[in-house]
C-alpha atoms as a PDB file:
ATOM      1  CA  MET A   1      99.482  29.094 115.109  1.00  0.00           C
ATOM      2  CA  ARG A   2     101.066  25.731 114.286  1.00  0.00           C
ATOM      3  CA  ARG A   3     103.346  26.149 117.302  1.00  0.00           C
ATOM      4  CA  LEU A   4     100.329  26.707 119.543  1.00  0.00           C
ATOM      5  CA  TRP A   5      98.602  23.559 118.331  1.00  0.00           C
ATOM      6  CA  LEU A   6     101.785  21.544 118.913  1.00  0.00           C
ATOM      7  CA  LEU A   7     101.973  22.804 122.497  1.00  0.00           C
ATOM      8  CA  LEU A   8      98.331  21.953 123.162  1.00  0.00           C
ATOM      9  CA  ALA A   9      98.927  18.499 121.720  1.00  0.00           C
ATOM     10  CA  LEU A  10     101.953  18.104 124.016  1.00  0.00           C
ATOM     11  CA  VAL A  11      99.895  19.073 127.087  1.00  0.00           C
ATOM     12  CA  ALA A  12      97.215  16.545 126.081  1.00  0.00           C
ATOM     13  CA  ALA A  13      99.909  13.896 125.621  1.00  0.00           C
ATOM     14  CA  VAL A  14     101.394  14.588 129.084  1.00  0.00           C
ATOM     15  CA  LEU A  15      97.900  14.374 130.596  1.00  0.00           C
ATOM     16  CA  ALA A  16      97.300  11.055 128.831  1.00  0.00           C
ATOM     17  CA  VAL A  17     100.660   9.649 129.964  1.00  0.00           C
ATOM     18  CA  GLY A  18      99.926  10.732 133.559  1.00  0.00           C
ATOM     19  CA  THR A  19      96.509   9.084 133.505  1.00  0.00           C
ATOM     20  CA  ALA A  20      97.898   5.852 132.072  1.00  0.00           C
ATOM     21  CA  GLY A  21     100.777   5.915 134.606  1.00  0.00           C
ATOM     22  CA  PHE A  22      98.526   6.129 137.652  1.00  0.00           C
ATOM     23  CA  VAL A  23      96.314   3.357 136.279  1.00  0.00           C
ATOM     24  CA  SER A  24      99.334   1.133 135.614  1.00  0.00           C
ATOM     25  CA  ILE A  25     101.327   1.845 138.808  1.00  0.00           C
ATOM     26  CA  GLU A  26      98.567   2.297 141.387  1.00  0.00           C
ATOM     27  CA  GLY A  27      95.767   0.360 139.734  1.00  0.00           C
ATOM     28  CA  TRP A  28      93.355   3.308 140.076  1.00  0.00           C
ATOM     29  CA  PRO A  29      90.154   3.701 138.069  1.00  0.00           C
ATOM     30  CA  TRP A  30      90.596   5.723 134.858  1.00  0.00           C
ATOM     31  CA  PHE A  31      88.646   8.730 136.100  1.00  0.00           C
ATOM     32  CA  ASP A  32      90.575   8.946 139.372  1.00  0.00           C
ATOM     33  CA  ALA A  33      93.847   8.656 137.458  1.00  0.00           C
ATOM     34  CA  PHE A  34      92.748  11.410 135.034  1.00  0.00           C
ATOM     35  CA  TYR A  35      91.631  13.686 137.890  1.00  0.00           C
ATOM     36  CA  MET A  36      94.931  13.194 139.752  1.00  0.00           C
ATOM     37  CA  SER A  37      96.912  13.998 136.588  1.00  0.00           C
ATOM     38  CA  LEU A  38      94.784  17.088 135.947  1.00  0.00           C
ATOM     39  CA  ILE A  39      95.162  18.609 139.418  1.00  0.00           C
ATOM     40  CA  THR A  40      98.895  17.850 139.309  1.00  0.00           C
ATOM     41  CA  LEU A  41      99.407  19.622 135.968  1.00  0.00           C
ATOM     42  CA  THR A  42      97.269  22.622 136.918  1.00  0.00           C
ATOM     43  CA  THR A  43      98.871  22.988 140.393  1.00  0.00           C
ATOM     44  CA  VAL A  44      95.543  23.789 142.043  1.00  0.00           C
ATOM     45  CA  GLY A  45      96.929  22.660 145.422  1.00  0.00           C
ATOM     46  CA  TYR A  46      94.556  19.775 146.113  1.00  0.00           C
ATOM     47  CA  GLY A  47      95.943  16.809 148.064  1.00  0.00           C
ATOM     48  CA  GLU A  48      96.342  13.248 146.857  1.00  0.00           C
ATOM     49  CA  ILE A  49      92.920  11.736 146.159  1.00  0.00           C
ATOM     50  CA  ARG A  50      94.261   8.283 147.153  1.00  0.00           C
ATOM     51  CA  PRO A  51      97.387   7.212 149.056  1.00  0.00           C
ATOM     52  CA  LEU A  52     100.382   6.855 146.733  1.00  0.00           C
ATOM     53  CA  SER A  53     103.012   4.139 146.869  1.00  0.00           C
ATOM     54  CA  GLN A  54     106.727   4.892 146.654  1.00  0.00           C
ATOM     55  CA  ALA A  55     106.678   4.179 142.923  1.00  0.00           C
ATOM     56  CA  GLY A  56     103.590   6.320 142.523  1.00  0.00           C
ATOM     57  CA  ARG A  57     105.243   9.287 144.245  1.00  0.00           C
ATOM     58  CA  ILE A  58     108.348   8.960 142.042  1.00  0.00           C
ATOM     59  CA  PHE A  59     106.120   8.918 138.945  1.00  0.00           C
ATOM     60  CA  ASN A  60     104.113  11.894 140.248  1.00  0.00           C
ATOM     61  CA  SER A  61     107.346  13.841 140.857  1.00  0.00           C
ATOM     62  CA  LEU A  62     108.389  13.299 137.236  1.00  0.00           C
ATOM     63  CA  LEU A  63     104.898  14.268 136.104  1.00  0.00           C
ATOM     64  CA  ILE A  64     105.156  17.524 138.084  1.00  0.00           C
ATOM     65  CA  LEU A  65     108.570  18.413 136.625  1.00  0.00           C
ATOM     66  CA  ILE A  66     107.626  17.656 133.033  1.00  0.00           C
ATOM     67  CA  GLY A  67     103.920  18.434 133.022  1.00  0.00           C
ATOM     68  CA  VAL A  68     103.893  21.684 134.987  1.00  0.00           C
ATOM     69  CA  THR A  69     106.759  23.060 132.889  1.00  0.00           C
ATOM     70  CA  THR A  70     104.851  22.167 129.717  1.00  0.00           C
ATOM     71  CA  VAL A  71     101.621  23.735 130.964  1.00  0.00           C
ATOM     72  CA  PHE A  72     103.297  26.972 132.038  1.00  0.00           C
ATOM     73  CA  PHE A  73     105.132  27.206 128.724  1.00  0.00           C
ATOM     74  CA  ALA A  74     101.854  26.693 126.849  1.00  0.00           C
ATOM     75  CA  ILE A  75     100.169  29.404 128.930  1.00  0.00           C
ATOM     76  CA  GLY A  76     103.029  31.756 128.126  1.00  0.00           C
ATOM     77  CA  VAL A  77     102.740  31.080 124.400  1.00  0.00           C
ATOM     78  CA  ILE A  78      98.956  31.607 124.484  1.00  0.00           C
ATOM     79  CA  ALA A  79      99.427  34.895 126.344  1.00  0.00           C
ATOM     80  CA  GLN A  80     102.025  35.947 123.778  1.00  0.00           C
ATOM     81  CA  TYR A  81      99.635  35.244 120.907  1.00  0.00           C
ATOM     82  CA  ALA A  82      96.873  37.184 122.656  1.00  0.00           C
ATOM     83  CA  VAL A  83      99.110  40.194 123.272  1.00  0.00           C
ATOM     84  CA  GLU A  84     100.455  40.141 119.709  1.00  0.00           C
ATOM     85  CA  ALA A  85      96.924  39.920 118.307  1.00  0.00           C
ATOM     86  CA  GLU A  86      95.771  42.841 120.450  1.00  0.00           C
ATOM     87  CA  LEU A  87      98.815  44.917 119.561  1.00  0.00           C
ATOM     88  CA  GLY A  88      98.419  44.013 115.899  1.00  0.00           C
ATOM     89  CA  ALA A  89      94.798  45.143 115.918  1.00  0.00           C
ATOM     90  CA  TYR A  90      95.731  48.339 117.787  1.00  0.00           C
ATOM     91  CA  PHE A  91      98.565  49.281 115.449  1.00  0.00           C
ATOM     92  CA  GLY A  92      96.438  48.229 112.458  1.00  0.00           C
ATOM     93  CA  ARG A  93      93.759  50.694 113.529  1.00  0.00           C
ATOM     94  CA  ARG A  94      96.376  53.399 114.056  1.00  0.00           C
ATOM     95  CA  ARG A  95      97.919  52.725 110.645  1.00  0.00           C
ATOM     96  CA  LYS A  96      94.535  52.915 108.947  1.00  0.00           C
ATOM     97  CA  ARG A  97      93.686  56.109 110.816  1.00  0.00           C
ATOM     98  CA  ARG A  98      96.960  57.722 109.741  1.00  0.00           C
ATOM     99  CA  LEU A  99      96.342  56.615 106.162  1.00  0.00           C
ATOM    100  CA  LEU A 100      92.865  58.142 106.170  1.00  0.00           C
ATOM    101  CA  GLU A 101      94.177  61.352 107.716  1.00  0.00           C
ATOM    102  CA  LYS A 102      96.674  61.713 104.855  1.00  0.00           C
ATOM    103  CA  LEU A 103      93.986  61.478 102.184  1.00  0.00           C
ATOM    104  CA  ALA A 104      93.246  64.789 100.471  1.00  0.00           C
ATOM    105  CA  ALA A 105      91.463  65.700  97.237  1.00  0.00           C
ATOM    106  CA  HIS A 106      90.353  62.072  97.135  1.00  0.00           C
ATOM    107  CA  TYR A 107      87.183  60.246  96.162  1.00  0.00           C
ATOM    108  CA  ILE A 108      84.850  58.366  98.500  1.00  0.00           C
ATOM    109  CA  VAL A 109      83.180  55.317  96.970  1.00  0.00           C
ATOM    110  CA  CYS A 110      80.164  54.313  99.035  1.00  0.00           C
ATOM    111  CA  GLY A 111      79.435  50.718  98.120  1.00  0.00           C
ATOM    112  CA  ALA A 112      81.839  48.095  96.770  1.00  0.00           C
ATOM    113  CA  GLY A 113      79.327  45.892  95.005  1.00  0.00           C
ATOM    114  CA  ARG A 114      79.236  45.290  91.255  1.00  0.00           C
ATOM    115  CA  VAL A 115      78.852  48.958  90.328  1.00  0.00           C
ATOM    116  CA  GLY A 116      81.159  50.181  93.074  1.00  0.00           C
ATOM    117  CA  ARG A 117      83.897  47.759  92.049  1.00  0.00           C
ATOM    118  CA  SER A 118      83.816  49.091  88.495  1.00  0.00           C
ATOM    119  CA  VAL A 119      84.204  52.607  89.867  1.00  0.00           C
ATOM    120  CA  ILE A 120      87.066  51.508  92.122  1.00  0.00           C
ATOM    121  CA  ARG A 121      88.916  49.780  89.275  1.00  0.00           C
ATOM    122  CA  GLU A 122      88.625  52.873  87.091  1.00  0.00           C
ATOM    123  CA  LEU A 123      89.875  55.173  89.857  1.00  0.00           C
ATOM    124  CA  ALA A 124      92.758  52.799  90.522  1.00  0.00           C
ATOM    125  CA  ARG A 125      93.595  52.677  86.807  1.00  0.00           C
ATOM    126  CA  ASN A 126      93.795  56.462  86.763  1.00  0.00           C
ATOM    127  CA  ARG A 127      95.853  56.436  89.991  1.00  0.00           C
ATOM    128  CA  ALA A 128      93.300  58.660  91.685  1.00  0.00           C
ATOM    129  CA  PRO A 129      93.296  58.597  95.503  1.00  0.00           C
ATOM    130  CA  PHE A 130      90.144  57.013  96.904  1.00  0.00           C
ATOM    131  CA  VAL A 131      88.674  55.126  99.821  1.00  0.00           C
ATOM    132  CA  ALA A 132      85.918  52.518  99.602  1.00  0.00           C
ATOM    133  CA  VAL A 133      83.233  52.334 102.298  1.00  0.00           C
ATOM    134  CA  ASP A 134      80.829  49.439 102.711  1.00  0.00           C
ATOM    135  CA  SER A 135      79.046  47.665 105.565  1.00  0.00           C
ATOM    136  CA  ASP A 136      79.395  44.303 103.805  1.00  0.00           C
ATOM    137  CA  SER A 137      82.509  42.482 105.024  1.00  0.00           C
ATOM    138  CA  ASN A 138      82.851  40.446 101.802  1.00  0.00           C
ATOM    139  CA  SER A 139      83.033  43.602  99.704  1.00  0.00           C
ATOM    140  CA  ILE A 140      85.639  45.154 101.976  1.00  0.00           C
ATOM    141  CA  GLU A 141      87.672  41.936 102.006  1.00  0.00           C
ATOM    142  CA  TRP A 142      87.696  42.071  98.200  1.00  0.00           C
ATOM    143  CA  ALA A 143      88.979  45.656  98.267  1.00  0.00           C
ATOM    144  CA  LEU A 144      91.655  44.866 100.833  1.00  0.00           C
ATOM    145  CA  ARG A 145      92.836  41.869  98.800  1.00  0.00           C
ATOM    146  CA  GLN A 146      93.404  44.282  95.929  1.00  0.00           C
ATOM    147  CA  SER A 147      95.441  46.528  98.295  1.00  0.00           C
ATOM    148  CA  TYR A 148      92.836  49.301  98.067  1.00  0.00           C
ATOM    149  CA  THR A 149      92.080  51.624 100.969  1.00  0.00           C
ATOM    150  CA  ALA A 150      88.774  50.444 102.408  1.00  0.00           C
ATOM    151  CA  VAL A 151      86.705  50.887 105.568  1.00  0.00           C
ATOM    152  CA  LEU A 152      84.089  48.502 106.937  1.00  0.00           C
ATOM    153  CA  ALA A 153      81.405  50.909 108.130  1.00  0.00           C
ATOM    154  CA  ASP A 154      77.947  52.326 107.421  1.00  0.00           C
ATOM    155  CA  ALA A 155      78.364  55.044 104.786  1.00  0.00           C
ATOM    156  CA  THR A 156      75.072  56.678 105.775  1.00  0.00           C
ATOM    157  CA  GLN A 157      76.471  57.742 109.159  1.00  0.00           C
ATOM    158  CA  ASP A 158      78.015  61.192 109.703  1.00  0.00           C
ATOM    159  CA  GLU A 159      80.823  59.680 111.764  1.00  0.00           C
ATOM    160  CA  THR A 160      81.829  57.361 108.933  1.00  0.00           C
ATOM    161  CA  LEU A 161      82.002  60.149 106.358  1.00  0.00           C
ATOM    162  CA  ARG A 162      84.040  62.285 108.742  1.00  0.00           C
ATOM    163  CA  GLU A 163      86.412  59.355 109.307  1.00  0.00           C
ATOM    164  CA  VAL A 164      87.094  59.013 105.575  1.00  0.00           C
ATOM    165  CA  GLY A 165      87.774  62.756 105.259  1.00  0.00           C
ATOM    166  CA  ILE A 166      84.695  64.118 103.537  1.00  0.00           C
ATOM    167  CA  ASP A 167      85.810  67.651 104.396  1.00  0.00           C
ATOM    168  CA  ARG A 168      88.968  67.070 102.294  1.00  0.00           C
ATOM    169  CA  ALA A 169      87.391  64.941  99.551  1.00  0.00           C
ATOM    170  CA  ARG A 170      86.978  65.980  95.942  1.00  0.00           C
ATOM    171  CA  GLY A 171      84.021  63.757  95.151  1.00  0.00           C
ATOM    172  CA  LEU A 172      81.708  61.009  96.378  1.00  0.00           C
ATOM    173  CA  VAL A 173      80.171  58.093  94.507  1.00  0.00           C
ATOM    174  CA  ALA A 174      76.905  56.733  95.931  1.00  0.00           C
ATOM    175  CA  ALA A 175      76.801  53.130  94.695  1.00  0.00           C
ATOM    176  CA  LEU A 176      75.025  51.347  97.557  1.00  0.00           C
ATOM    177  CA  PRO A 177      72.601  48.495  96.783  1.00  0.00           C
ATOM    178  CA  THR A 178      69.340  50.441  97.215  1.00  0.00           C
ATOM    179  CA  ASP A 179      68.154  53.866  96.113  1.00  0.00           C
ATOM    180  CA  ALA A 180      66.995  54.632  99.663  1.00  0.00           C
ATOM    181  CA  GLN A 181      70.513  54.110 100.990  1.00  0.00           C
ATOM    182  CA  ASN A 182      71.974  56.273  98.243  1.00  0.00           C
ATOM    183  CA  VAL A 183      69.477  59.064  98.942  1.00  0.00           C
ATOM    184  CA  TYR A 184      70.431  58.967 102.624  1.00  0.00           C
ATOM    185  CA  VAL A 185      74.148  59.056 101.809  1.00  0.00           C
ATOM    186  CA  ILE A 186      73.697  61.997  99.446  1.00  0.00           C
ATOM    187  CA  LEU A 187      71.626  63.960 101.977  1.00  0.00           C
ATOM    188  CA  THR A 188      74.242  63.325 104.665  1.00  0.00           C
ATOM    189  CA  ALA A 189      77.198  64.157 102.406  1.00  0.00           C
ATOM    190  CA  ARG A 190      75.601  67.283 100.958  1.00  0.00           C
ATOM    191  CA  GLY A 191      74.805  68.517 104.447  1.00  0.00           C
ATOM    192  CA  MET A 192      78.458  68.119 105.398  1.00  0.00           C
ATOM    193  CA  SER A 193      79.976  69.573 102.220  1.00  0.00           C
ATOM    194  CA  LYS A 194      78.217  71.961  99.840  1.00  0.00           C
ATOM    195  CA  SER A 195      81.003  71.935  97.235  1.00  0.00           C
ATOM    196  CA  LEU A 196      81.495  68.161  97.045  1.00  0.00           C
ATOM    197  CA  GLN A 197      80.985  66.583  93.611  1.00  0.00           C
ATOM    198  CA  ILE A 198      78.448  63.769  94.097  1.00  0.00           C
ATOM    199  CA  VAL A 199      77.714  61.079  91.517  1.00  0.00           C
ATOM    200  CA  ALA A 200      75.085  58.409  92.171  1.00  0.00           C
ATOM    201  CA  ARG A 201      73.610  55.261  90.662  1.00  0.00           C
ATOM    202  CA  ALA A 202      69.849  54.832  90.317  1.00  0.00           C
ATOM    203  CA  THR A 203      67.629  51.890  89.478  1.00  0.00           C
ATOM    204  CA  ASP A 204      64.928  53.835  87.614  1.00  0.00           C
ATOM    205  CA  GLU A 205      63.918  57.309  86.461  1.00  0.00           C
ATOM    206  CA  GLN A 206      61.813  58.055  89.551  1.00  0.00           C
ATOM    207  CA  ALA A 207      64.760  57.232  91.795  1.00  0.00           C
ATOM    208  CA  ALA A 208      67.019  59.391  89.630  1.00  0.00           C
ATOM    209  CA  ALA A 209      64.793  62.415  90.278  1.00  0.00           C
ATOM    210  CA  LYS A 210      64.890  61.784  94.035  1.00  0.00           C
ATOM    211  CA  LEU A 211      68.675  61.421  94.014  1.00  0.00           C
ATOM    212  CA  LYS A 212      68.968  64.704  92.122  1.00  0.00           C
ATOM    213  CA  SER A 213      66.680  66.407  94.631  1.00  0.00           C
ATOM    214  CA  ALA A 214      68.774  65.024  97.473  1.00  0.00           C
ATOM    215  CA  GLY A 215      71.837  66.792  96.113  1.00  0.00           C
ATOM    216  CA  ALA A 216      73.523  64.548  93.546  1.00  0.00           C
ATOM    217  CA  ASP A 217      75.266  66.388  90.713  1.00  0.00           C
ATOM    218  CA  VAL A 218      75.145  63.449  88.292  1.00  0.00           C
ATOM    219  CA  VAL A 219      72.830  60.416  88.407  1.00  0.00           C
ATOM    220  CA  LEU A 220      73.267  57.370  86.182  1.00  0.00           C
ATOM    221  CA  SER A 221      71.146  54.255  85.889  1.00  0.00           C
ATOM    222  CA  PRO A 222      73.169  51.139  84.987  1.00  0.00           C
ATOM    223  CA  TYR A 223      70.122  49.647  83.269  1.00  0.00           C
ATOM    224  CA  SER A 224      69.194  52.621  81.081  1.00  0.00           C
ATOM    225  CA  TYR A 225      72.870  53.290  80.321  1.00  0.00           C
ATOM    226  CA  THR A 226      73.420  49.676  79.284  1.00  0.00           C
ATOM    227  CA  GLY A 227      70.313  49.763  77.119  1.00  0.00           C
ATOM    228  CA  HIS A 228      71.508  52.962  75.461  1.00  0.00           C
ATOM    229  CA  ARG A 229      74.924  51.464  74.743  1.00  0.00           C
ATOM    230  CA  LEU A 230      73.407  48.272  73.349  1.00  0.00           C
ATOM    231  CA  ALA A 231      71.265  50.280  70.949  1.00  0.00           C
ATOM    232  CA  GLN A 232      74.209  52.468  69.932  1.00  0.00           C
ATOM    233  CA  ALA A 233      76.380  49.382  69.393  1.00  0.00           C
ATOM    234  CA  MET A 234      73.807  48.154  66.906  1.00  0.00           C
ATOM    235  CA  LEU A 235      73.215  51.495  65.177  1.00  0.00           C
ATOM    236  CA  ARG A 236      76.699  53.033  65.363  1.00  0.00           C
ATOM    237  CA  PRO A 237      79.198  50.244  66.140  1.00  0.00           C
ATOM    238  CA  HIS A 238      82.257  52.149  64.922  1.00  0.00           C
ATOM    239  CA  VAL A 239      81.384  55.205  67.020  1.00  0.00           C
ATOM    240  CA  VAL A 240      80.948  53.039  70.131  1.00  0.00           C
ATOM    241  CA  SER A 241      84.250  51.246  69.464  1.00  0.00           C
ATOM    242  CA  PHE A 242      86.038  54.559  69.087  1.00  0.00           C
ATOM    243  CA  LEU A 243      84.558  55.973  72.296  1.00  0.00           C
ATOM    244  CA  ASP A 244      85.516  52.802  74.148  1.00  0.00           C
ATOM    245  CA  MET A 245      89.102  53.202  73.000  1.00  0.00           C
ATOM    246  CA  ALA A 246      89.141  56.916  73.751  1.00  0.00           C
ATOM    247  CA  SER A 247      87.818  56.348  77.283  1.00  0.00           C
ATOM    248  CA  ALA A 248      90.220  53.446  77.904  1.00  0.00           C
ATOM    249  CA  PHE A 249      87.226  51.185  78.406  1.00  0.00           C
ATOM    250  CA  GLU A 250      87.944  47.604  79.493  1.00  0.00           C
ATOM    251  CA  GLY A 251      88.934  45.595  76.436  1.00  0.00           C
ATOM    252  CA  ALA A 252      90.272  48.578  74.466  1.00  0.00           C
ATOM    253  CA  ASN A 253      93.678  47.916  72.947  1.00  0.00           C
ATOM    254  CA  LEU A 254      94.620  51.409  71.818  1.00  0.00           C
ATOM    255  CA  ASP A 255      96.524  53.831  74.032  1.00  0.00           C
ATOM    256  CA  LEU A 256      94.093  56.665  73.467  1.00  0.00           C
ATOM    257  CA  GLU A 257      92.162  58.756  75.976  1.00  0.00           C
ATOM    258  CA  ILE A 258      89.830  61.704  76.228  1.00  0.00           C
ATOM    259  CA  GLU A 259      90.907  63.826  79.175  1.00  0.00           C
ATOM    260  CA  GLN A 260      89.885  67.073  80.870  1.00  0.00           C
ATOM    261  CA  ILE A 261      92.820  69.269  81.849  1.00  0.00           C
ATOM    262  CA  PRO A 262      92.463  72.598  83.705  1.00  0.00           C
ATOM    263  CA  VAL A 263      94.592  75.603  82.868  1.00  0.00           C
ATOM    264  CA  ALA A 264      96.415  77.024  85.902  1.00  0.00           C
ATOM    265  CA  ALA A 265      97.189  80.706  86.351  1.00  0.00           C
ATOM    266  CA  SER A 266     100.883  79.783  86.637  1.00  0.00           C
ATOM    267  CA  SER A 267     100.888  77.949  83.305  1.00  0.00           C
ATOM    268  CA  PRO A 268     102.900  79.518  80.452  1.00  0.00           C
ATOM    269  CA  CYS A 269      99.906  78.723  78.242  1.00  0.00           C
ATOM    270  CA  ALA A 270      97.551  80.946  80.248  1.00  0.00           C
ATOM    271  CA  SER A 271      96.319  83.920  78.208  1.00  0.00           C
ATOM    272  CA  SER A 272      97.736  82.345  75.034  1.00  0.00           C
ATOM    273  CA  THR A 273      95.757  81.298  71.990  1.00  0.00           C
ATOM    274  CA  LEU A 274      95.638  77.674  70.939  1.00  0.00           C
ATOM    275  CA  GLU A 275      97.667  78.619  67.894  1.00  0.00           C
ATOM    276  CA  GLN A 276     100.377  80.247  70.016  1.00  0.00           C
ATOM    277  CA  ALA A 277     100.516  77.302  72.430  1.00  0.00           C
ATOM    278  CA  ARG A 278     101.004  74.849  69.500  1.00  0.00           C
ATOM    279  CA  LEU A 279      99.542  71.997  71.543  1.00  0.00           C
ATOM    280  CA  PRO A 280      98.907  69.645  68.581  1.00  0.00           C
ATOM    281  CA  GLN A 281     102.456  70.127  67.321  1.00  0.00           C
ATOM    282  CA  GLN A 282     104.082  69.746  70.756  1.00  0.00           C
ATOM    283  CA  PHE A 283     102.006  66.912  72.176  1.00  0.00           C
ATOM    284  CA  GLY A 284     100.207  65.321  69.246  1.00  0.00           C
ATOM    285  CA  ILE A 285      96.797  65.880  70.844  1.00  0.00           C
ATOM    286  CA  ILE A 286      93.532  67.325  69.554  1.00  0.00           C
ATOM    287  CA  VAL A 287      91.584  69.897  71.593  1.00  0.00           C
ATOM    288  CA  LEU A 288      87.925  68.966  71.252  1.00  0.00           C
ATOM    289  CA  ALA A 289      86.439  71.698  73.433  1.00  0.00           C
ATOM    290  CA  VAL A 290      87.187  74.407  75.968  1.00  0.00           C
ATOM    291  CA  VAL A 291      84.997  74.636  79.063  1.00  0.00           C
ATOM    292  CA  LYS A 292      84.818  78.122  80.539  1.00  0.00           C
ATOM    293  CA  PRO A 293      84.545  78.698  84.325  1.00  0.00           C
ATOM    294  CA  GLY A 294      80.813  79.405  84.063  1.00  0.00           C
ATOM    295  CA  GLY A 295      80.220  76.065  82.373  1.00  0.00           C
ATOM    296  CA  ARG A 296      79.921  77.365  78.791  1.00  0.00           C
ATOM    297  CA  ILE A 297      81.469  74.934  76.311  1.00  0.00           C
ATOM    298  CA  GLN A 298      83.256  75.991  73.146  1.00  0.00           C
ATOM    299  CA  PHE A 299      83.145  72.928  70.921  1.00  0.00           C
ATOM    300  CA  ASN A 300      85.840  72.567  68.232  1.00  0.00           C
ATOM    301  CA  PRO A 301      87.562  75.817  69.305  1.00  0.00           C
ATOM    302  CA  SER A 302      89.322  77.859  66.662  1.00  0.00           C
ATOM    303  CA  ALA A 303      93.065  78.481  66.648  1.00  0.00           C
ATOM    304  CA  GLN A 304      92.424  81.997  67.957  1.00  0.00           C
ATOM    305  CA  THR A 305      90.628  80.783  71.100  1.00  0.00           C
ATOM    306  CA  ILE A 306      92.392  82.201  74.168  1.00  0.00           C
ATOM    307  CA  MET A 307      93.082  79.818  77.054  1.00  0.00           C
ATOM    308  CA  GLN A 308      92.365  81.624  80.309  1.00  0.00           C
ATOM    309  CA  ALA A 309      93.250  80.503  83.834  1.00  0.00           C
ATOM    310  CA  GLY A 310      90.378  78.375  85.089  1.00  0.00           C
ATOM    311  CA  ASP A 311      89.459  77.035  81.648  1.00  0.00           C
ATOM    312  CA  VAL A 312      89.307  73.276  81.182  1.00  0.00           C
ATOM    313  CA  LEU A 313      90.526  71.712  77.947  1.00  0.00           C
ATOM    314  CA  ILE A 314      88.811  68.574  76.669  1.00  0.00           C
ATOM    315  CA  ALA A 315      91.539  66.863  74.668  1.00  0.00           C
ATOM    316  CA  ILE A 316      92.090  63.512  72.988  1.00  0.00           C
ATOM    317  CA  GLY A 317      95.451  61.840  72.482  1.00  0.00           C
ATOM    318  CA  GLU A 318      97.879  59.235  73.757  1.00  0.00           C
ATOM    319  CA  SER A 319      97.961  58.765  77.520  1.00  0.00           C
ATOM    320  CA  ALA A 320     101.615  59.746  77.905  1.00  0.00           C
ATOM    321  CA  LYS A 321     101.141  62.875  75.788  1.00  0.00           C
ATOM    322  CA  LEU A 322      98.122  63.919  77.826  1.00  0.00           C
ATOM    323  CA  ARG A 323     100.165  63.545  81.037  1.00  0.00           C
ATOM    324  CA  GLN A 324     102.817  65.836  79.504  1.00  0.00           C
ATOM    325  CA  LEU A 325     100.153  68.358  78.555  1.00  0.00           C
ATOM    326  CA  GLU A 326      98.748  68.223  82.078  1.00  0.00           C
ATOM    327  CA  ALA A 327     102.197  69.049  83.467  1.00  0.00           C
ATOM    328  CA  GLN A 328     102.546  71.907  80.945  1.00  0.00           C
ATOM    329  CA  LEU A 329      99.214  73.440  81.920  1.00  0.00           C
ATOM    330  CA  GLY A 330     100.247  73.066  85.557  1.00  0.00           C
ATOM    331  CA  ALA A 331      96.927  72.201  87.158  1.00  0.00           C
ATOM    332  CA  VAL A 332      95.234  69.287  88.869  1.00  0.00           C
ATOM    333  CA  LYS A 333      92.463  67.534  86.933  1.00  0.00           C
ATOM    334  CA  ARG A 334      88.929  68.140  88.080  1.00  0.00           C
END
């Protein structure tokens, strides 16, 4: 861009020199001198507006050689910038399309405002694949500056959800500014995918009921949740601190997490009891509960509890140990 401005400045300088030359050599008025310089540089083919002396023709010849070359070179540079910009936009769109086409078992975050950004940061921290969708350019610019996959589009439109791979997605977060927008997104998403896990934000209890009716699996209100946590922090501060650490909440300084880990049919632990698998001894973790395929939860399971394929273990331990356990059980988190 600096090169372009330099060329434009050079063209303006040549035009100024030409104008001053005709005024000095021929004694023409300033406007006539400017007009003669302009038609000479642009090669429009007009004739001399006034008769030129021998000195004037020599000066005009030099102006043609220098000025026309400068103008043509500037036009070429401008054309080059235009072509490069068009090609850059074209290949940028192709690159983004290929990136979106590669997404699978990912999460779609509709809305990159205050709530959406918290969701995005948490997904990024867990290295979960996701794409952010928002119609606000400032929100998308924020996501792109963080090197997140993001699309500037209306999340309530079928075409947008298809573009971000809703048919291949694992879940969708409806975190748009208004409840009406979130209801519309949920209705659209649920109509396109019956099995999609949908989580939504709500501003009040009445909105929460509508979002549930629209098809959301989980609805949370930032205001009621914050109020609940404030009360718990007063009544049970140590419990809240522990849960913050165990959920790797922002500000926690202990490498401790609560994780859900499915048991795959191919896992050597499938059909084994917790005692036989020796998970606490091998990985230093504690199994808090076992969730059966039907949704039944066995809290504080005994050592004789059998881990079946399709079960989900709720375990607490160090992050690295939980990753090792996940590899041992041989399944993708859900």
